[in-house]
PDB file of N, CA and C in Angstrom:
ATOM      1  N   UNK A   1       0.833  -1.181   0.000  1.00  0.00           N
ATOM      2  CA  UNK A   1       0.000   0.000   0.000  1.00  0.00           C
ATOM      3  C   UNK A   1       0.879   1.246   0.000  1.00  0.00           C
ATOM      4  N   UNK A   2       0.481   2.216  -0.786  1.00  0.00           N
ATOM      5  CA  UNK A   2       1.189   3.488  -0.821  1.00  0.00           C
ATOM      6  C   UNK A   2       0.381   4.550  -0.084  1.00  0.00           C
ATOM      7  N   UNK A   3       1.092   5.561   0.396  1.00  0.00           N
ATOM      8  CA  UNK A   3       0.445   6.691   1.063  1.00  0.00           C
ATOM      9  C   UNK A   3       1.113   7.967   0.610  1.00  0.00           C
ATOM     10  N   UNK A   4       0.374   9.062   0.734  1.00  0.00           N
ATOM     11  CA  UNK A   4       0.884  10.397   0.450  1.00  0.00           C
ATOM     12  C   UNK A   4       1.078  11.101   1.784  1.00  0.00           C
ATOM     13  N   UNK A   5       2.266  11.634   2.003  1.00  0.00           N
ATOM     14  CA  UNK A   5       2.566  12.400   3.215  1.00  0.00           C
ATOM     15  C   UNK A   5       2.835  13.830   2.783  1.00  0.00           C
ATOM     16  N   UNK A   6       2.144  14.787   3.403  1.00  0.00           N
ATOM     17  CA  UNK A   6       2.424  16.193   3.153  1.00  0.00           C
ATOM     18  C   UNK A   6       2.931  16.823   4.440  1.00  0.00           C
ATOM     19  N   UNK A   7       3.913  17.696   4.285  1.00  0.00           N
ATOM     20  CA  UNK A   7       4.509  18.408   5.415  1.00  0.00           C
ATOM     21  C   UNK A   7       4.517  19.889   5.047  1.00  0.00           C
ATOM     22  N   UNK A   8       3.923  20.715   5.915  1.00  0.00           N
ATOM     23  CA  UNK A   8       3.853  22.150   5.659  1.00  0.00           C
ATOM     24  C   UNK A   8       4.167  22.898   6.946  1.00  0.00           C
ATOM     25  N   UNK A   9       4.998  23.924   6.848  1.00  0.00           N
ATOM     26  CA  UNK A   9       5.301  24.745   8.014  1.00  0.00           C
ATOM     27  C   UNK A   9       6.428  25.709   7.726  1.00  0.00           C
ATOM     28  N   UNK A  10       6.824  26.437   8.739  1.00  0.00           N
ATOM     29  CA  UNK A  10       7.944  27.368   8.598  1.00  0.00           C
ATOM     30  C   UNK A  10       9.212  26.586   8.273  1.00  0.00           C
ATOM     31  N   UNK A  11       9.986  27.119   7.346  1.00  0.00           N
ATOM     32  CA  UNK A  11      11.215  26.456   6.939  1.00  0.00           C
ATOM     33  C   UNK A  11      12.256  26.514   8.053  1.00  0.00           C
ATOM     34  N   UNK A  12      12.853  25.361   8.339  1.00  0.00           N
ATOM     35  CA  UNK A  12      13.957  25.292   9.298  1.00  0.00           C
ATOM     36  C   UNK A  12      14.812  24.080   8.983  1.00  0.00           C
ATOM     37  N   UNK A  13      15.996  24.078   9.482  1.00  0.00           N
ATOM     38  CA  UNK A  13      16.950  22.995   9.238  1.00  0.00           C
ATOM     39  C   UNK A  13      16.436  21.685   9.835  1.00  0.00           C
ATOM     40  N   UNK A  14      16.529  20.608   9.070  1.00  0.00           N
ATOM     41  CA  UNK A  14      16.297  19.268   9.590  1.00  0.00           C
ATOM     42  C   UNK A  14      14.942  18.649   9.359  1.00  0.00           C
ATOM     43  N   UNK A  15      14.018  19.353   8.732  1.00  0.00           N
ATOM     44  CA  UNK A  15      12.681  18.781   8.545  1.00  0.00           C
ATOM     45  C   UNK A  15      12.745  17.505   7.709  1.00  0.00           C
ATOM     46  N   UNK A  16      13.388  17.580   6.551  1.00  0.00           N
ATOM     47  CA  UNK A  16      13.464  16.401   5.677  1.00  0.00           C
ATOM     48  C   UNK A  16      14.193  15.270   6.391  1.00  0.00           C
ATOM     49  N   UNK A  17      15.281  15.580   7.079  1.00  0.00           N
ATOM     50  CA  UNK A  17      16.061  14.558   7.783  1.00  0.00           C
ATOM     51  C   UNK A  17      15.227  13.866   8.855  1.00  0.00           C
ATOM     52  N   UNK A  18      14.487  14.623   9.644  1.00  0.00           N
ATOM     53  CA  UNK A  18      13.702  14.026  10.728  1.00  0.00           C
ATOM     54  C   UNK A  18      12.592  13.137  10.185  1.00  0.00           C
ATOM     55  N   UNK A  19      11.902  13.617   9.154  1.00  0.00           N
ATOM     56  CA  UNK A  19      10.812  12.828   8.582  1.00  0.00           C
ATOM     57  C   UNK A  19      11.360  11.568   7.921  1.00  0.00           C
ATOM     58  N   UNK A  20      12.400  11.709   7.100  1.00  0.00           N
ATOM     59  CA  UNK A  20      12.930  10.541   6.392  1.00  0.00           C
ATOM     60  C   UNK A  20      13.589   9.542   7.344  1.00  0.00           C
ATOM     61  N   UNK A  21      14.245  10.013   8.392  1.00  0.00           N
ATOM     62  CA  UNK A  21      14.824   9.094   9.380  1.00  0.00           C
ATOM     63  C   UNK A  21      13.741   8.298  10.089  1.00  0.00           C
ATOM     64  N   UNK A  22      12.652   8.962  10.466  1.00  0.00           N
ATOM     65  CA  UNK A  22      11.550   8.260  11.110  1.00  0.00           C
ATOM     66  C   UNK A  22      10.990   7.173  10.194  1.00  0.00           C
ATOM     67  N   UNK A  23      10.785   7.528   8.924  1.00  0.00           N
ATOM     68  CA  UNK A  23      10.263   6.548   7.970  1.00  0.00           C
ATOM     69  C   UNK A  23      11.221   5.368   7.822  1.00  0.00           C
ATOM     70  N   UNK A  24      12.510   5.634   7.713  1.00  0.00           N
ATOM     71  CA  UNK A  24      13.502   4.560   7.570  1.00  0.00           C
ATOM     72  C   UNK A  24      13.507   3.644   8.791  1.00  0.00           C
ATOM     73  N   UNK A  25      13.378   4.211   9.986  1.00  0.00           N
ATOM     74  CA  UNK A  25      13.345   3.411  11.215  1.00  0.00           C
ATOM     75  C   UNK A  25      12.188   2.415  11.205  1.00  0.00           C
ATOM     76  N   UNK A  26      11.128   2.736  10.485  1.00  0.00           N
ATOM     77  CA  UNK A  26       9.949   1.873  10.441  1.00  0.00           C
ATOM     78  C   UNK A  26       9.799   1.149   9.105  1.00  0.00           C
ATOM     79  N   UNK A  27      10.909   1.070   8.374  1.00  0.00           N
ATOM     80  CA  UNK A  27      10.968   0.306   7.118  1.00  0.00           C
ATOM     81  C   UNK A  27       9.953   0.793   6.082  1.00  0.00           C
ATOM     82  N   UNK A  28       9.763   2.113   6.037  1.00  0.00           N
ATOM     83  CA  UNK A  28       8.864   2.733   5.066  1.00  0.00           C
ATOM     84  C   UNK A  28       9.731   3.383   3.993  1.00  0.00           C
ATOM     85  N   UNK A  29       9.559   2.935   2.758  1.00  0.00           N
ATOM     86  CA  UNK A  29      10.375   3.422   1.654  1.00  0.00           C
ATOM     87  C   UNK A  29       9.758   4.680   1.032  1.00  0.00           C
ATOM     88  N   UNK A  30      10.593   5.672   0.767  1.00  0.00           N
ATOM     89  CA  UNK A  30      10.164   6.875   0.059  1.00  0.00           C
ATOM     90  C   UNK A  30      10.272   6.583  -1.431  1.00  0.00           C
ATOM     91  N   UNK A  31       9.123   6.499  -2.108  1.00  0.00           N
ATOM     92  CA  UNK A  31       9.094   6.193  -3.538  1.00  0.00           C
ATOM     93  C   UNK A  31       9.297   7.440  -4.379  1.00  0.00           C
ATOM     94  N   UNK A  32       8.812   8.576  -3.885  1.00  0.00           N
ATOM     95  CA  UNK A  32       8.955   9.837  -4.613  1.00  0.00           C
ATOM     96  C   UNK A  32       8.846  10.972  -3.606  1.00  0.00           C
ATOM     97  N   UNK A  33       9.514  12.075  -3.891  1.00  0.00           N
ATOM     98  CA  UNK A  33       9.502  13.217  -2.967  1.00  0.00           C
ATOM     99  C   UNK A  33       9.688  14.505  -3.756  1.00  0.00           C
ATOM    100  N   UNK A  34       8.979  15.525  -3.337  1.00  0.00           N
ATOM    101  CA  UNK A  34       9.172  16.859  -3.885  1.00  0.00           C
ATOM    102  C   UNK A  34       9.045  17.841  -2.734  1.00  0.00           C
ATOM    103  N   UNK A  35       9.836  18.888  -2.791  1.00  0.00           N
ATOM    104  CA  UNK A  35       9.757  19.912  -1.752  1.00  0.00           C
ATOM    105  C   UNK A  35      10.117  21.255  -2.337  1.00  0.00           C
ATOM    106  N   UNK A  36       9.559  22.290  -1.720  1.00  0.00           N
ATOM    107  CA  UNK A  36       9.832  23.653  -2.161  1.00  0.00           C
ATOM    108  C   UNK A  36       9.640  24.606  -0.992  1.00  0.00           C
ATOM    109  N   UNK A  37      10.057  25.811  -1.178  1.00  0.00           N
ATOM    110  CA  UNK A  37       9.831  26.874  -0.212  1.00  0.00           C
ATOM    111  C   UNK A  37       8.915  27.887  -0.884  1.00  0.00           C
ATOM    112  N   UNK A  38       7.755  28.145  -0.293  1.00  0.00           N
ATOM    113  CA  UNK A  38       6.809  29.115  -0.820  1.00  0.00           C
ATOM    114  C   UNK A  38       6.656  30.237   0.193  1.00  0.00           C
ATOM    115  N   UNK A  39       7.159  31.415  -0.138  1.00  0.00           N
ATOM    116  CA  UNK A  39       7.068  32.589   0.750  1.00  0.00           C
ATOM    117  C   UNK A  39       7.540  32.272   2.163  1.00  0.00           C
ATOM    118  N   UNK A  40       8.650  31.544   2.257  1.00  0.00           N
ATOM    119  CA  UNK A  40       9.220  31.209   3.556  1.00  0.00           C
ATOM    120  C   UNK A  40       8.614  29.991   4.219  1.00  0.00           C
ATOM    121  N   UNK A  41       7.604  29.387   3.586  1.00  0.00           N
ATOM    122  CA  UNK A  41       6.983  28.175   4.121  1.00  0.00           C
ATOM    123  C   UNK A  41       7.528  26.945   3.423  1.00  0.00           C
ATOM    124  N   UNK A  42       7.897  25.953   4.216  1.00  0.00           N
ATOM    125  CA  UNK A  42       8.389  24.679   3.708  1.00  0.00           C
ATOM    126  C   UNK A  42       7.178  23.838   3.309  1.00  0.00           C
ATOM    127  N   UNK A  43       7.216  23.274   2.093  1.00  0.00           N
ATOM    128  CA  UNK A  43       6.137  22.420   1.607  1.00  0.00           C
ATOM    129  C   UNK A  43       6.766  21.173   0.996  1.00  0.00           C
ATOM    130  N   UNK A  44       6.388  19.998   1.510  1.00  0.00           N
ATOM    131  CA  UNK A  44       6.936  18.742   0.994  1.00  0.00           C
ATOM    132  C   UNK A  44       5.802  17.745   0.794  1.00  0.00           C
ATOM    133  N   UNK A  45       5.899  16.991  -0.294  1.00  0.00           N
ATOM    134  CA  UNK A  45       4.961  15.907  -0.554  1.00  0.00           C
ATOM    135  C   UNK A  45       5.779  14.663  -0.860  1.00  0.00           C
ATOM    136  N   UNK A  46       5.408  13.569  -0.225  1.00  0.00           N
ATOM    137  CA  UNK A  46       6.116  12.300  -0.422  1.00  0.00           C
ATOM    138  C   UNK A  46       5.113  11.202  -0.775  1.00  0.00           C
ATOM    139  N   UNK A  47       5.519  10.316  -1.664  1.00  0.00           N
ATOM    140  CA  UNK A  47       4.788   9.079  -1.903  1.00  0.00           C
ATOM    141  C   UNK A  47       5.614   8.010  -1.205  1.00  0.00           C
ATOM    142  N   UNK A  48       5.010   7.285  -0.269  1.00  0.00           N
ATOM    143  CA  UNK A  48       5.743   6.260   0.472  1.00  0.00           C
ATOM    144  C   UNK A  48       5.109   4.893   0.275  1.00  0.00           C
ATOM    145  N   UNK A  49       5.941   3.878   0.348  1.00  0.00           N
ATOM    146  CA  UNK A  49       5.522   2.486   0.211  1.00  0.00           C
ATOM    147  C   UNK A  49       5.471   1.874   1.607  1.00  0.00           C
ATOM    148  N   UNK A  50       4.279   1.496   2.037  1.00  0.00           N
ATOM    149  CA  UNK A  50       4.080   0.937   3.377  1.00  0.00           C
ATOM    150  C   UNK A  50       4.106  -0.590   3.401  1.00  0.00           C
ATOM    151  N   UNK A  51       4.398  -1.228   2.271  1.00  0.00           N
ATOM    152  CA  UNK A  51       4.314  -2.692   2.217  1.00  0.00           C
ATOM    153  C   UNK A  51       5.279  -3.393   3.169  1.00  0.00           C
ATOM    154  N   UNK A  52       6.408  -2.795   3.486  1.00  0.00           N
ATOM    155  CA  UNK A  52       7.362  -3.416   4.405  1.00  0.00           C
ATOM    156  C   UNK A  52       7.348  -2.795   5.793  1.00  0.00           C
ATOM    157  N   UNK A  53       6.411  -1.889   6.040  1.00  0.00           N
ATOM    158  CA  UNK A  53       6.382  -1.132   7.296  1.00  0.00           C
ATOM    159  C   UNK A  53       6.126  -2.032   8.505  1.00  0.00           C
ATOM    160  N   UNK A  54       6.747  -1.633   9.627  1.00  0.00           N
ATOM    161  CA  UNK A  54       6.515  -2.380  10.868  1.00  0.00           C
ATOM    162  C   UNK A  54       5.474  -1.692  11.755  1.00  0.00           C
ATOM    163  N   UNK A  55       4.775  -0.674  11.202  1.00  0.00           N
ATOM    164  CA  UNK A  55       3.663  -0.023  11.901  1.00  0.00           C
ATOM    165  C   UNK A  55       2.519   0.175  10.909  1.00  0.00           C
ATOM    166  N   UNK A  56       1.305   0.308  11.434  1.00  0.00           N
ATOM    167  CA  UNK A  56       0.135   0.520  10.579  1.00  0.00           C
ATOM    168  C   UNK A  56       0.056   1.987  10.168  1.00  0.00           C
ATOM    169  N   UNK A  57      -0.797   2.280   9.205  1.00  0.00           N
ATOM    170  CA  UNK A  57      -0.960   3.662   8.767  1.00  0.00           C
ATOM    171  C   UNK A  57      -1.527   4.525   9.900  1.00  0.00           C
ATOM    172  N   UNK A  58      -2.379   3.947  10.743  1.00  0.00           N
ATOM    173  CA  UNK A  58      -2.919   4.703  11.877  1.00  0.00           C
ATOM    174  C   UNK A  58      -1.836   5.021  12.900  1.00  0.00           C
ATOM    175  N   UNK A  59      -0.952   4.062  13.166  1.00  0.00           N
ATOM    176  CA  UNK A  59       0.172   4.309  14.073  1.00  0.00           C
ATOM    177  C   UNK A  59       1.116   5.347  13.471  1.00  0.00           C
ATOM    178  N   UNK A  60       1.312   5.259  12.156  1.00  0.00           N
ATOM    179  CA  UNK A  60       2.157   6.226  11.461  1.00  0.00           C
ATOM    180  C   UNK A  60       1.580   7.634  11.624  1.00  0.00           C
ATOM    181  N   UNK A  61       0.273   7.783  11.428  1.00  0.00           N
ATOM    182  CA  UNK A  61      -0.372   9.094  11.602  1.00  0.00           C
ATOM    183  C   UNK A  61      -0.149   9.622  13.017  1.00  0.00           C
ATOM    184  N   UNK A  62      -0.343   8.778  13.992  1.00  0.00           N
ATOM    185  CA  UNK A  62      -0.204   9.183  15.386  1.00  0.00           C
ATOM    186  C   UNK A  62       1.225   9.620  15.709  1.00  0.00           C
ATOM    187  N   UNK A  63       2.191   8.817  15.308  1.00  0.00           N
ATOM    188  CA  UNK A  63       3.597   9.129  15.592  1.00  0.00           C
ATOM    189  C   UNK A  63       4.076  10.357  14.819  1.00  0.00           C
ATOM    190  N   UNK A  64       3.651  10.465  13.562  1.00  0.00           N
ATOM    191  CA  UNK A  64       4.052  11.626  12.775  1.00  0.00           C
ATOM    192  C   UNK A  64       3.417  12.899  13.319  1.00  0.00           C
ATOM    193  N   UNK A  65       2.234  12.783  13.889  1.00  0.00           N
ATOM    194  CA  UNK A  65       1.586  13.941  14.506  1.00  0.00           C
ATOM    195  C   UNK A  65       2.420  14.459  15.677  1.00  0.00           C
ATOM    196  N   UNK A  66       2.957  13.542  16.467  1.00  0.00           N
ATOM    197  CA  UNK A  66       3.839  13.923  17.585  1.00  0.00           C
ATOM    198  C   UNK A  66       5.102  14.593  17.047  1.00  0.00           C
ATOM    199  N   UNK A  67       5.678  14.016  16.004  1.00  0.00           N
ATOM    200  CA  UNK A  67       6.882  14.594  15.390  1.00  0.00           C
ATOM    201  C   UNK A  67       6.588  15.973  14.817  1.00  0.00           C
ATOM    202  N   UNK A  68       5.433  16.126  14.203  1.00  0.00           N
ATOM    203  CA  UNK A  68       5.058  17.409  13.611  1.00  0.00           C
ATOM    204  C   UNK A  68       5.008  18.492  14.668  1.00  0.00           C
ATOM    205  N   UNK A  69       4.423  18.167  15.790  1.00  0.00           N
ATOM    206  CA  UNK A  69       4.307  19.129  16.877  1.00  0.00           C
ATOM    207  C   UNK A  69       5.677  19.602  17.349  1.00  0.00           C
ATOM    208  N   UNK A  70       6.598  18.662  17.501  1.00  0.00           N
ATOM    209  CA  UNK A  70       7.938  19.021  17.975  1.00  0.00           C
ATOM    210  C   UNK A  70       8.720  19.832  16.937  1.00  0.00           C
ATOM    211  N   UNK A  71       8.391  19.671  15.643  1.00  0.00           N
ATOM    212  CA  UNK A  71       9.068  20.414  14.579  1.00  0.00           C
ATOM    213  C   UNK A  71       8.357  21.709  14.216  1.00  0.00           C
ATOM    214  N   UNK A  72       7.138  21.892  14.707  1.00  0.00           N
ATOM    215  CA  UNK A  72       6.379  23.091  14.374  1.00  0.00           C
ATOM    216  C   UNK A  72       5.841  23.089  12.956  1.00  0.00           C
ATOM    217  N   UNK A  73       5.498  21.895  12.454  1.00  0.00           N
ATOM    218  CA  UNK A  73       4.931  21.767  11.109  1.00  0.00           C
ATOM    219  C   UNK A  73       3.621  20.983  11.201  1.00  0.00           C
ATOM    220  N   UNK A  74       2.919  20.932  10.088  1.00  0.00           N
ATOM    221  CA  UNK A  74       1.711  20.117   9.993  1.00  0.00           C
ATOM    222  C   UNK A  74       2.008  18.956   9.053  1.00  0.00           C
ATOM    223  N   UNK A  75       1.716  17.741   9.496  1.00  0.00           N
ATOM    224  CA  UNK A  75       1.949  16.558   8.671  1.00  0.00           C
ATOM    225  C   UNK A  75       0.624  15.829   8.496  1.00  0.00           C
ATOM    226  N   UNK A  76       0.280  15.547   7.241  1.00  0.00           N
ATOM    227  CA  UNK A  76      -0.931  14.784   6.926  1.00  0.00           C
ATOM    228  C   UNK A  76      -0.547  13.542   6.141  1.00  0.00           C
ATOM    229  N   UNK A  77      -1.259  12.460   6.412  1.00  0.00           N
ATOM    230  CA  UNK A  77      -0.991  11.184   5.741  1.00  0.00           C
ATOM    231  C   UNK A  77      -2.306  10.638   5.217  1.00  0.00           C
ATOM    232  N   UNK A  78      -2.303  10.287   3.925  1.00  0.00           N
ATOM    233  CA  UNK A  78      -3.511   9.774   3.300  1.00  0.00           C
ATOM    234  C   UNK A  78      -3.147   8.595   2.406  1.00  0.00           C
ATOM    235  N   UNK A  79      -3.954   7.544   2.459  1.00  0.00           N
ATOM    236  CA  UNK A  79      -3.743   6.407   1.565  1.00  0.00           C
ATOM    237  C   UNK A  79      -3.798   6.908   0.123  1.00  0.00           C
ATOM    238  N   UNK A  80      -2.925   6.392  -0.717  1.00  0.00           N
ATOM    239  CA  UNK A  80      -2.844   6.857  -2.105  1.00  0.00           C
ATOM    240  C   UNK A  80      -4.184   6.716  -2.823  1.00  0.00           C
ATOM    241  N   UNK A  81      -4.903   5.636  -2.581  1.00  0.00           N
ATOM    242  CA  UNK A  81      -6.188   5.420  -3.260  1.00  0.00           C
ATOM    243  C   UNK A  81      -7.178   6.518  -2.897  1.00  0.00           C
ATOM    244  N   UNK A  82      -7.204   6.910  -1.636  1.00  0.00           N
ATOM    245  CA  UNK A  82      -8.100   7.982  -1.190  1.00  0.00           C
ATOM    246  C   UNK A  82      -7.666   9.300  -1.825  1.00  0.00           C
ATOM    247  N   UNK A  83      -6.362   9.584  -1.795  1.00  0.00           N
ATOM    248  CA  UNK A  83      -5.824  10.805  -2.382  1.00  0.00           C
ATOM    249  C   UNK A  83      -6.184  10.881  -3.863  1.00  0.00           C
ATOM    250  N   UNK A  84      -5.974   9.795  -4.590  1.00  0.00           N
ATOM    251  CA  UNK A  84      -6.258   9.769  -6.031  1.00  0.00           C
ATOM    252  C   UNK A  84      -7.747   9.971  -6.311  1.00  0.00           C
ATOM    253  N   UNK A  85      -8.596   9.355  -5.514  1.00  0.00           N
ATOM    254  CA  UNK A  85     -10.034   9.499  -5.696  1.00  0.00           C
ATOM    255  C   UNK A  85     -10.479  10.939  -5.440  1.00  0.00           C
ATOM    256  N   UNK A  86      -9.875  11.589  -4.436  1.00  0.00           N
ATOM    257  CA  UNK A  86     -10.242  12.964  -4.104  1.00  0.00           C
ATOM    258  C   UNK A  86      -9.795  13.957  -5.175  1.00  0.00           C
ATOM    259  N   UNK A  87      -8.730  13.639  -5.892  1.00  0.00           N
ATOM    260  CA  UNK A  87      -8.155  14.573  -6.843  1.00  0.00           C
ATOM    261  C   UNK A  87      -8.416  14.181  -8.297  1.00  0.00           C
ATOM    262  N   UNK A  88      -9.355  13.289  -8.493  1.00  0.00           N
ATOM    263  CA  UNK A  88      -9.722  12.890  -9.850  1.00  0.00           C
ATOM    264  C   UNK A  88     -10.561  13.986 -10.486  1.00  0.00           C
ATOM    265  N   UNK A  89     -10.276  14.282 -11.727  1.00  0.00           N
ATOM    266  CA  UNK A  89     -11.011  15.363 -12.416  1.00  0.00           C
ATOM    267  C   UNK A  89     -12.091  14.786 -13.268  1.00  0.00           C
TER     268      UNK A  89
END
């Protein structure tokens, strides 16, 4: 199963490192990633592969929410199928 992770917040050192390290610790592969700075705001979108993960998507949401708070960013996680259905034209 794939998921889309979005990270938005004030730009600061270490956001990508903290998020990617957490994912690696839980055997979650980053399949694709894009990031940019918009008017001083950090914006990142990742497609991740959860097939080898040692935690569920609900546990991932919970843990990433804690990480987001400590980094001062907002992190959202959505199953790829749900994301694709919501953004179908």
